[in-house]
Amino acid sequence: NKIVSLNMSKNPGLNFPADFVQLCGNLRELRLST
């Protein structure tokens, strides 16, 4: 809930689970390139 900007780019095969996403009430920027 503290995260405003999250960069997890360049992690091939990454699983981005919904249970984590639903906890991120303040996220504004998300980078998931490559």
All heavy atoms as atom14 arrays in JSON, in Angstrom:
{
  "sequence": "NKIVSLNMSKNPGLNFPADFVQLCGNLRELRLST",
  "atom14_mask": [
    [1, 1, 1, 1, 1, 1, 1, 1, 0, 0, 0, 0, 0, 0],
    [1, 1, 1, 1, 1, 1, 1, 1, 1, 0, 0, 0, 0, 0],
    [1, 1, 1, 1, 1, 1, 1, 1, 0, 0, 0, 0, 0, 0],
    [1, 1, 1, 1, 1, 1, 1, 0, 0, 0, 0, 0, 0, 0],
    [1, 1, 1, 1, 1, 1, 0, 0, 0, 0, 0, 0, 0, 0],
    [1, 1, 1, 1, 1, 1, 1, 1, 0, 0, 0, 0, 0, 0],
    [1, 1, 1, 1, 1, 1, 1, 1, 0, 0, 0, 0, 0, 0],
    [1, 1, 1, 1, 1, 1, 1, 1, 0, 0, 0, 0, 0, 0],
    [1, 1, 1, 1, 1, 1, 0, 0, 0, 0, 0, 0, 0, 0],
    [1, 1, 1, 1, 1, 1, 1, 1, 1, 0, 0, 0, 0, 0],
    [1, 1, 1, 1, 1, 1, 1, 1, 0, 0, 0, 0, 0, 0],
    [1, 1, 1, 1, 1, 1, 1, 0, 0, 0, 0, 0, 0, 0],
    [1, 1, 1, 1, 0, 0, 0, 0, 0, 0, 0, 0, 0, 0],
    [1, 1, 1, 1, 1, 1, 1, 1, 0, 0, 0, 0, 0, 0],
    [1, 1, 1, 1, 1, 1, 1, 1, 0, 0, 0, 0, 0, 0],
    [1, 1, 1, 1, 1, 1, 1, 1, 1, 1, 1, 0, 0, 0],
    [1, 1, 1, 1, 1, 1, 1, 0, 0, 0, 0, 0, 0, 0],
    [1, 1, 1, 1, 1, 0, 0, 0, 0, 0, 0, 0, 0, 0],
    [1, 1, 1, 1, 1, 1, 1, 1, 0, 0, 0, 0, 0, 0],
    [1, 1, 1, 1, 1, 1, 1, 1, 1, 1, 1, 0, 0, 0],
    [1, 1, 1, 1, 1, 1, 1, 0, 0, 0, 0, 0, 0, 0],
    [1, 1, 1, 1, 1, 1, 1, 1, 1, 0, 0, 0, 0, 0],
    [1, 1, 1, 1, 1, 1, 1, 1, 0, 0, 0, 0, 0, 0],
    [1, 1, 1, 1, 1, 1, 0, 0, 0, 0, 0, 0, 0, 0],
    [1, 1, 1, 1, 0, 0, 0, 0, 0, 0, 0, 0, 0, 0],
    [1, 1, 1, 1, 1, 1, 1, 1, 0, 0, 0, 0, 0, 0],
    [1, 1, 1, 1, 1, 1, 1, 1, 0, 0, 0, 0, 0, 0],
    [1, 1, 1, 1, 1, 1, 1, 1, 1, 1, 1, 0, 0, 0],
    [1, 1, 1, 1, 1, 1, 1, 1, 1, 0, 0, 0, 0, 0],
    [1, 1, 1, 1, 1, 1, 1, 1, 0, 0, 0, 0, 0, 0],
    [1, 1, 1, 1, 1, 1, 1, 1, 1, 1, 1, 0, 0, 0],
    [1, 1, 1, 1, 1, 1, 1, 1, 0, 0, 0, 0, 0, 0],
    [1, 1, 1, 1, 1, 1, 0, 0, 0, 0, 0, 0, 0, 0],
    [1, 1, 1, 1, 1, 1, 1, 0, 0, 0, 0, 0, 0, 0]
  ],
  "atom14_positions": [
    [[0.81, -1.22, 0.0], [0.0, 0.0, 0.0], [0.85, 1.27, 0.0], [0.32, 2.36, -0.21], [-0.94, 0.01, 1.21], [-2.14, 0.91, 0.98], [-2.74, 0.9, -0.09], [-2.47, 1.73, 1.98], [0.0, 0.0, 0.0], [0.0, 0.0, 0.0], [0.0, 0.0, 0.0], [0.0, 0.0, 0.0], [0.0, 0.0, 0.0], [0.0, 0.0, 0.0]],
    [[2.16, 1.13, 0.22], [3.05, 2.29, 0.2], [3.56, 2.6, -1.21], [4.0, 3.72, -1.48], [4.26, 2.04, 1.1], [3.95, 1.75, 2.55], [5.25, 1.42, 3.29], [5.0, 0.97, 4.71], [6.26, 0.57, 5.39], [0.0, 0.0, 0.0], [0.0, 0.0, 0.0], [0.0, 0.0, 0.0], [0.0, 0.0, 0.0], [0.0, 0.0, 0.0]],
    [[3.52, 1.59, -2.07], [4.18, 1.71, -3.38], [3.43, 2.66, -4.3], [2.23, 2.51, -4.55], [4.3, 0.33, -4.05], [5.06, -0.64, -3.13], [5.04, 0.45, -5.38], [5.1, -2.06, -3.65], [0.0, 0.0, 0.0], [0.0, 0.0, 0.0], [0.0, 0.0, 0.0], [0.0, 0.0, 0.0], [0.0, 0.0, 0.0], [0.0, 0.0, 0.0]],
    [[4.17, 3.64, -4.82], [3.64, 4.6, -5.79], [4.12, 4.26, -7.19], [3.39, 4.39, -8.17], [4.05, 6.04, -5.42], [3.58, 7.03, -6.48], [3.49, 6.42, -4.05], [0.0, 0.0, 0.0], [0.0, 0.0, 0.0], [0.0, 0.0, 0.0], [0.0, 0.0, 0.0], [0.0, 0.0, 0.0], [0.0, 0.0, 0.0], [0.0, 0.0, 0.0]],
    [[5.37, 3.81, -7.28], [5.96, 3.45, -8.57], [6.67, 2.11, -8.44], [7.47, 1.93, -7.52], [6.95, 4.53, -9.02], [7.62, 4.15, -10.21], [0.0, 0.0, 0.0], [0.0, 0.0, 0.0], [0.0, 0.0, 0.0], [0.0, 0.0, 0.0], [0.0, 0.0, 0.0], [0.0, 0.0, 0.0], [0.0, 0.0, 0.0], [0.0, 0.0, 0.0]],
    [[6.38, 1.19, -9.37], [6.97, -0.15, -9.32], [7.55, -0.51, -10.68], [6.86, -0.45, -11.69], [5.9, -1.18, -8.93], [6.33, -2.66, -8.92], [7.46, -2.89, -7.93], [5.13, -3.56, -8.6], [0.0, 0.0, 0.0], [0.0, 0.0, 0.0], [0.0, 0.0, 0.0], [0.0, 0.0, 0.0], [0.0, 0.0, 0.0], [0.0, 0.0, 0.0]],
    [[8.83, -0.87, -10.69], [9.5, -1.26, -11.92], [10.01, -2.69, -11.75], [10.96, -2.94, -11.0], [10.66, -0.32, -12.23], [11.27, -0.57, -13.61], [11.0, -1.6, -14.23], [12.06, 0.36, -14.09], [0.0, 0.0, 0.0], [0.0, 0.0, 0.0], [0.0, 0.0, 0.0], [0.0, 0.0, 0.0], [0.0, 0.0, 0.0], [0.0, 0.0, 0.0]],
    [[9.37, -3.63, -12.44], [9.81, -5.03, -12.44], [10.13, -5.49, -13.86], [9.97, -6.65, -14.21], [8.74, -5.91, -11.8], [8.52, -5.61, -10.32], [7.49, -6.84, -9.47], [8.58, -8.26, -9.48], [0.0, 0.0, 0.0], [0.0, 0.0, 0.0], [0.0, 0.0, 0.0], [0.0, 0.0, 0.0], [0.0, 0.0, 0.0], [0.0, 0.0, 0.0]],
    [[10.61, -4.57, -14.67], [10.98, -4.88, -16.04], [12.16, -5.84, -16.1], [12.9, -6.01, -15.12], [11.35, -3.59, -16.79], [10.25, -2.7, -16.84], [0.0, 0.0, 0.0], [0.0, 0.0, 0.0], [0.0, 0.0, 0.0], [0.0, 0.0, 0.0], [0.0, 0.0, 0.0], [0.0, 0.0, 0.0], [0.0, 0.0, 0.0], [0.0, 0.0, 0.0]],
    [[12.32, -6.49, -17.25], [13.45, -7.39, -17.52], [13.5, -8.56, -16.54], [14.58, -8.97, -16.1], [14.76, -6.61, -17.51], [14.85, -5.57, -18.62], [16.22, -4.94, -18.71], [16.28, -3.97, -19.88], [17.63, -3.34, -20.01], [0.0, 0.0, 0.0], [0.0, 0.0, 0.0], [0.0, 0.0, 0.0], [0.0, 0.0, 0.0], [0.0, 0.0, 0.0]],
    [[12.33, -9.08, -16.19], [12.23, -10.32, -15.43], [11.43, -11.32, -16.28], [10.21, -11.47, -16.1], [11.55, -10.08, -14.08], [12.44, -9.37, -13.09], [13.46, -9.89, -12.67], [12.07, -8.14, -12.74], [0.0, 0.0, 0.0], [0.0, 0.0, 0.0], [0.0, 0.0, 0.0], [0.0, 0.0, 0.0], [0.0, 0.0, 0.0], [0.0, 0.0, 0.0]],
    [[12.05, -11.97, -17.26], [11.34, -12.86, -18.17], [10.58, -13.96, -17.44], [11.09, -14.57, -16.49], [12.46, -13.45, -19.03], [13.57, -12.46, -18.95], [13.49, -11.89, -17.57], [0.0, 0.0, 0.0], [0.0, 0.0, 0.0], [0.0, 0.0, 0.0], [0.0, 0.0, 0.0], [0.0, 0.0, 0.0], [0.0, 0.0, 0.0], [0.0, 0.0, 0.0]],
    [[9.35, -14.2, -17.88], [8.53, -15.25, -17.27], [7.87, -14.83, -15.98], [7.37, -15.68, -15.24], [0.0, 0.0, 0.0], [0.0, 0.0, 0.0], [0.0, 0.0, 0.0], [0.0, 0.0, 0.0], [0.0, 0.0, 0.0], [0.0, 0.0, 0.0], [0.0, 0.0, 0.0], [0.0, 0.0, 0.0], [0.0, 0.0, 0.0], [0.0, 0.0, 0.0]],
    [[7.84, -13.52, -15.71], [7.28, -13.02, -14.46], [5.78, -13.31, -14.36], [5.03, -13.11, -15.3], [7.5, -11.51, -14.37], [6.95, -10.8, -13.14], [7.74, -11.19, -11.89], [6.97, -9.28, -13.34], [0.0, 0.0, 0.0], [0.0, 0.0, 0.0], [0.0, 0.0, 0.0], [0.0, 0.0, 0.0], [0.0, 0.0, 0.0], [0.0, 0.0, 0.0]],
    [[5.36, -13.78, -13.19], [3.94, -13.93, -12.87], [3.54, -12.76, -11.98], [4.16, -12.54, -10.94], [3.7, -15.26, -12.15], [2.27, -15.38, -11.66], [1.33, -14.98, -12.35], [2.08, -15.93, -10.48], [0.0, 0.0, 0.0], [0.0, 0.0, 0.0], [0.0, 0.0, 0.0], [0.0, 0.0, 0.0], [0.0, 0.0, 0.0], [0.0, 0.0, 0.0]],
    [[2.51, -12.02, -12.4], [2.1, -10.83, -11.66], [0.75, -11.1, -11.02], [-0.3, -10.89, -11.63], [2.04, -9.64, -12.61], [2.26, -8.32, -11.93], [3.49, -8.01, -11.36], [1.25, -7.38, -11.85], [3.7, -6.8, -10.73], [1.46, -6.18, -11.22], [2.69, -5.89, -10.66], [0.0, 0.0, 0.0], [0.0, 0.0, 0.0], [0.0, 0.0, 0.0]],
    [[0.73, -11.59, -9.77], [-0.5, -12.11, -9.15], [-1.51, -11.03, -8.75], [-1.14, -9.95, -8.3], [0.02, -12.85, -7.92], [1.31, -12.16, -7.58], [1.9, -11.74, -8.9], [0.0, 0.0, 0.0], [0.0, 0.0, 0.0], [0.0, 0.0, 0.0], [0.0, 0.0, 0.0], [0.0, 0.0, 0.0], [0.0, 0.0, 0.0], [0.0, 0.0, 0.0]],
    [[-2.79, -11.36, -8.9], [-3.87, -10.43, -8.59], [-3.95, -10.12, -7.11], [-4.33, -9.01, -6.72], [-5.2, -10.98, -9.1], [0.0, 0.0, 0.0], [0.0, 0.0, 0.0], [0.0, 0.0, 0.0], [0.0, 0.0, 0.0], [0.0, 0.0, 0.0], [0.0, 0.0, 0.0], [0.0, 0.0, 0.0], [0.0, 0.0, 0.0], [0.0, 0.0, 0.0]],
    [[-3.59, -11.08, -6.25], [-3.7, -10.82, -4.8], [-2.75, -9.72, -4.37], [-3.07, -8.92, -3.47], [-3.47, -12.11, -4.01], [-2.09, -12.72, -4.22], [-1.43, -12.36, -5.22], [-1.69, -13.55, -3.39], [0.0, 0.0, 0.0], [0.0, 0.0, 0.0], [0.0, 0.0, 0.0], [0.0, 0.0, 0.0], [0.0, 0.0, 0.0], [0.0, 0.0, 0.0]],
    [[-1.58, -9.63, -5.02], [-0.65, -8.53, -4.71], [-1.19, -7.21, -5.25], [-1.17, -6.18, -4.57], [0.72, -8.81, -5.3], [1.67, -7.65, -5.22], [2.27, -7.31, -4.02], [1.95, -6.89, -6.35], [3.13, -6.22, -3.94], [2.8, -5.8, -6.28], [3.41, -5.47, -5.07], [0.0, 0.0, 0.0], [0.0, 0.0, 0.0], [0.0, 0.0, 0.0]],
    [[-1.68, -7.24, -6.48], [-2.19, -6.04, -7.13], [-3.29, -5.39, -6.3], [-3.35, -4.16, -6.13], [-2.72, -6.38, -8.54], [-3.43, -5.18, -9.15], [-1.57, -6.82, -9.44], [0.0, 0.0, 0.0], [0.0, 0.0, 0.0], [0.0, 0.0, 0.0], [0.0, 0.0, 0.0], [0.0, 0.0, 0.0], [0.0, 0.0, 0.0], [0.0, 0.0, 0.0]],
    [[-4.18, -6.19, -5.74], [-5.3, -5.66, -4.98], [-4.88, -5.0, -3.67], [-5.66, -4.27, -3.06], [-6.31, -6.78, -4.73], [-7.0, -7.23, -6.01], [-7.83, -8.49, -5.82], [-7.58, -9.27, -4.91], [-8.82, -8.68, -6.69], [0.0, 0.0, 0.0], [0.0, 0.0, 0.0], [0.0, 0.0, 0.0], [0.0, 0.0, 0.0], [0.0, 0.0, 0.0]],
    [[-3.63, -5.22, -3.26], [-3.11, -4.56, -2.06], [-2.47, -3.21, -2.36], [-2.21, -2.43, -1.44], [-2.08, -5.47, -1.37], [-2.57, -6.81, -0.83], [-1.39, -7.62, -0.32], [-3.6, -6.61, 0.27], [0.0, 0.0, 0.0], [0.0, 0.0, 0.0], [0.0, 0.0, 0.0], [0.0, 0.0, 0.0], [0.0, 0.0, 0.0], [0.0, 0.0, 0.0]],
    [[-2.22, -2.96, -3.66], [-1.5, -1.74, -4.07], [-2.49, -0.61, -4.34], [-2.71, -0.23, -5.49], [-0.65, -2.03, -5.3], [0.63, -3.27, -5.04], [0.0, 0.0, 0.0], [0.0, 0.0, 0.0], [0.0, 0.0, 0.0], [0.0, 0.0, 0.0], [0.0, 0.0, 0.0], [0.0, 0.0, 0.0], [0.0, 0.0, 0.0], [0.0, 0.0, 0.0]],
    [[-3.06, -0.08, -3.28], [-4.09, 0.95, -3.46], [-3.59, 2.29, -3.91], [-4.38, 3.14, -4.34], [0.0, 0.0, 0.0], [0.0, 0.0, 0.0], [0.0, 0.0, 0.0], [0.0, 0.0, 0.0], [0.0, 0.0, 0.0], [0.0, 0.0, 0.0], [0.0, 0.0, 0.0], [0.0, 0.0, 0.0], [0.0, 0.0, 0.0], [0.0, 0.0, 0.0]],
    [[-2.26, 2.53, -3.83], [-1.72, 3.86, -4.17], [-0.78, 3.84, -5.37], [-0.15, 4.86, -5.66], [-0.98, 4.43, -2.96], [-1.92, 4.74, -1.81], [-2.87, 5.49, -1.97], [-1.67, 4.15, -0.64], [0.0, 0.0, 0.0], [0.0, 0.0, 0.0], [0.0, 0.0, 0.0], [0.0, 0.0, 0.0], [0.0, 0.0, 0.0], [0.0, 0.0, 0.0]],
    [[-0.68, 2.72, -6.06], [0.24, 2.64, -7.19], [-0.21, 3.54, -8.34], [-1.37, 3.51, -8.74], [0.35, 1.19, -7.69], [1.52, 0.97, -8.65], [2.82, 0.85, -7.89], [1.32, -0.28, -9.5], [0.0, 0.0, 0.0], [0.0, 0.0, 0.0], [0.0, 0.0, 0.0], [0.0, 0.0, 0.0], [0.0, 0.0, 0.0], [0.0, 0.0, 0.0]],
    [[0.72, 4.32, -8.87], [0.44, 5.22, -9.99], [1.21, 4.83, -11.26], [0.71, 5.02, -12.36], [0.81, 6.66, -9.63], [0.07, 7.24, -8.43], [-1.42, 7.4, -8.73], [-2.12, 8.16, -7.7], [-2.6, 7.66, -6.57], [-2.46, 6.37, -6.32], [-3.24, 8.41, -5.7], [0.0, 0.0, 0.0], [0.0, 0.0, 0.0], [0.0, 0.0, 0.0]],
    [[2.42, 4.29, -11.09], [3.26, 3.97, -12.24], [3.71, 2.51, -12.17], [4.18, 2.05, -11.13], [4.5, 4.87, -12.27], [4.18, 6.35, -12.41], [5.44, 7.2, -12.48], [6.56, 6.63, -12.44], [5.31, 8.43, -12.58], [0.0, 0.0, 0.0], [0.0, 0.0, 0.0], [0.0, 0.0, 0.0], [0.0, 0.0, 0.0], [0.0, 0.0, 0.0]],
    [[3.56, 1.81, -13.3], [3.93, 0.4, -13.37], [4.72, 0.14, -14.65], [4.26, 0.43, -15.75], [2.69, -0.49, -13.35], [2.92, -2.01, -13.45], [3.74, -2.51, -12.27], [1.6, -2.74, -13.54], [0.0, 0.0, 0.0], [0.0, 0.0, 0.0], [0.0, 0.0, 0.0], [0.0, 0.0, 0.0], [0.0, 0.0, 0.0], [0.0, 0.0, 0.0]],
    [[5.91, -0.42, -14.49], [6.76, -0.75, -15.62], [7.02, -2.25, -15.64], [7.65, -2.78, -14.71], [8.08, 0.03, -15.54], [7.9, 1.53, -15.76], [9.18, 2.31, -15.47], [9.05, 3.71, -15.83], [8.47, 4.63, -15.05], [8.01, 4.29, -13.85], [8.38, 5.88, -15.46], [0.0, 0.0, 0.0], [0.0, 0.0, 0.0], [0.0, 0.0, 0.0]],
    [[6.54, -2.9, -16.69], [6.71, -4.35, -16.87], [7.21, -4.63, -18.28], [6.7, -5.5, -18.97], [5.39, -5.08, -16.61], [4.82, -5.02, -15.19], [3.44, -5.68, -15.14], [5.76, -5.71, -14.2], [0.0, 0.0, 0.0], [0.0, 0.0, 0.0], [0.0, 0.0, 0.0], [0.0, 0.0, 0.0], [0.0, 0.0, 0.0], [0.0, 0.0, 0.0]],
    [[8.2, -3.89, -18.71], [8.75, -4.1, -20.06], [9.7, -5.28, -20.07], [10.32, -5.62, -19.06], [9.47, -2.83, -20.54], [10.59, -2.55, -19.73], [0.0, 0.0, 0.0], [0.0, 0.0, 0.0], [0.0, 0.0, 0.0], [0.0, 0.0, 0.0], [0.0, 0.0, 0.0], [0.0, 0.0, 0.0], [0.0, 0.0, 0.0], [0.0, 0.0, 0.0]],
    [[9.79, -5.93, -21.24], [10.73, -7.04, -21.46], [10.56, -8.14, -20.42], [11.53, -8.61, -19.82], [12.19, -6.53, -21.47], [12.27, -5.27, -22.13], [13.1, -7.5, -22.22], [0.0, 0.0, 0.0], [0.0, 0.0, 0.0], [0.0, 0.0, 0.0], [0.0, 0.0, 0.0], [0.0, 0.0, 0.0], [0.0, 0.0, 0.0], [0.0, 0.0, 0.0]]
  ]
}
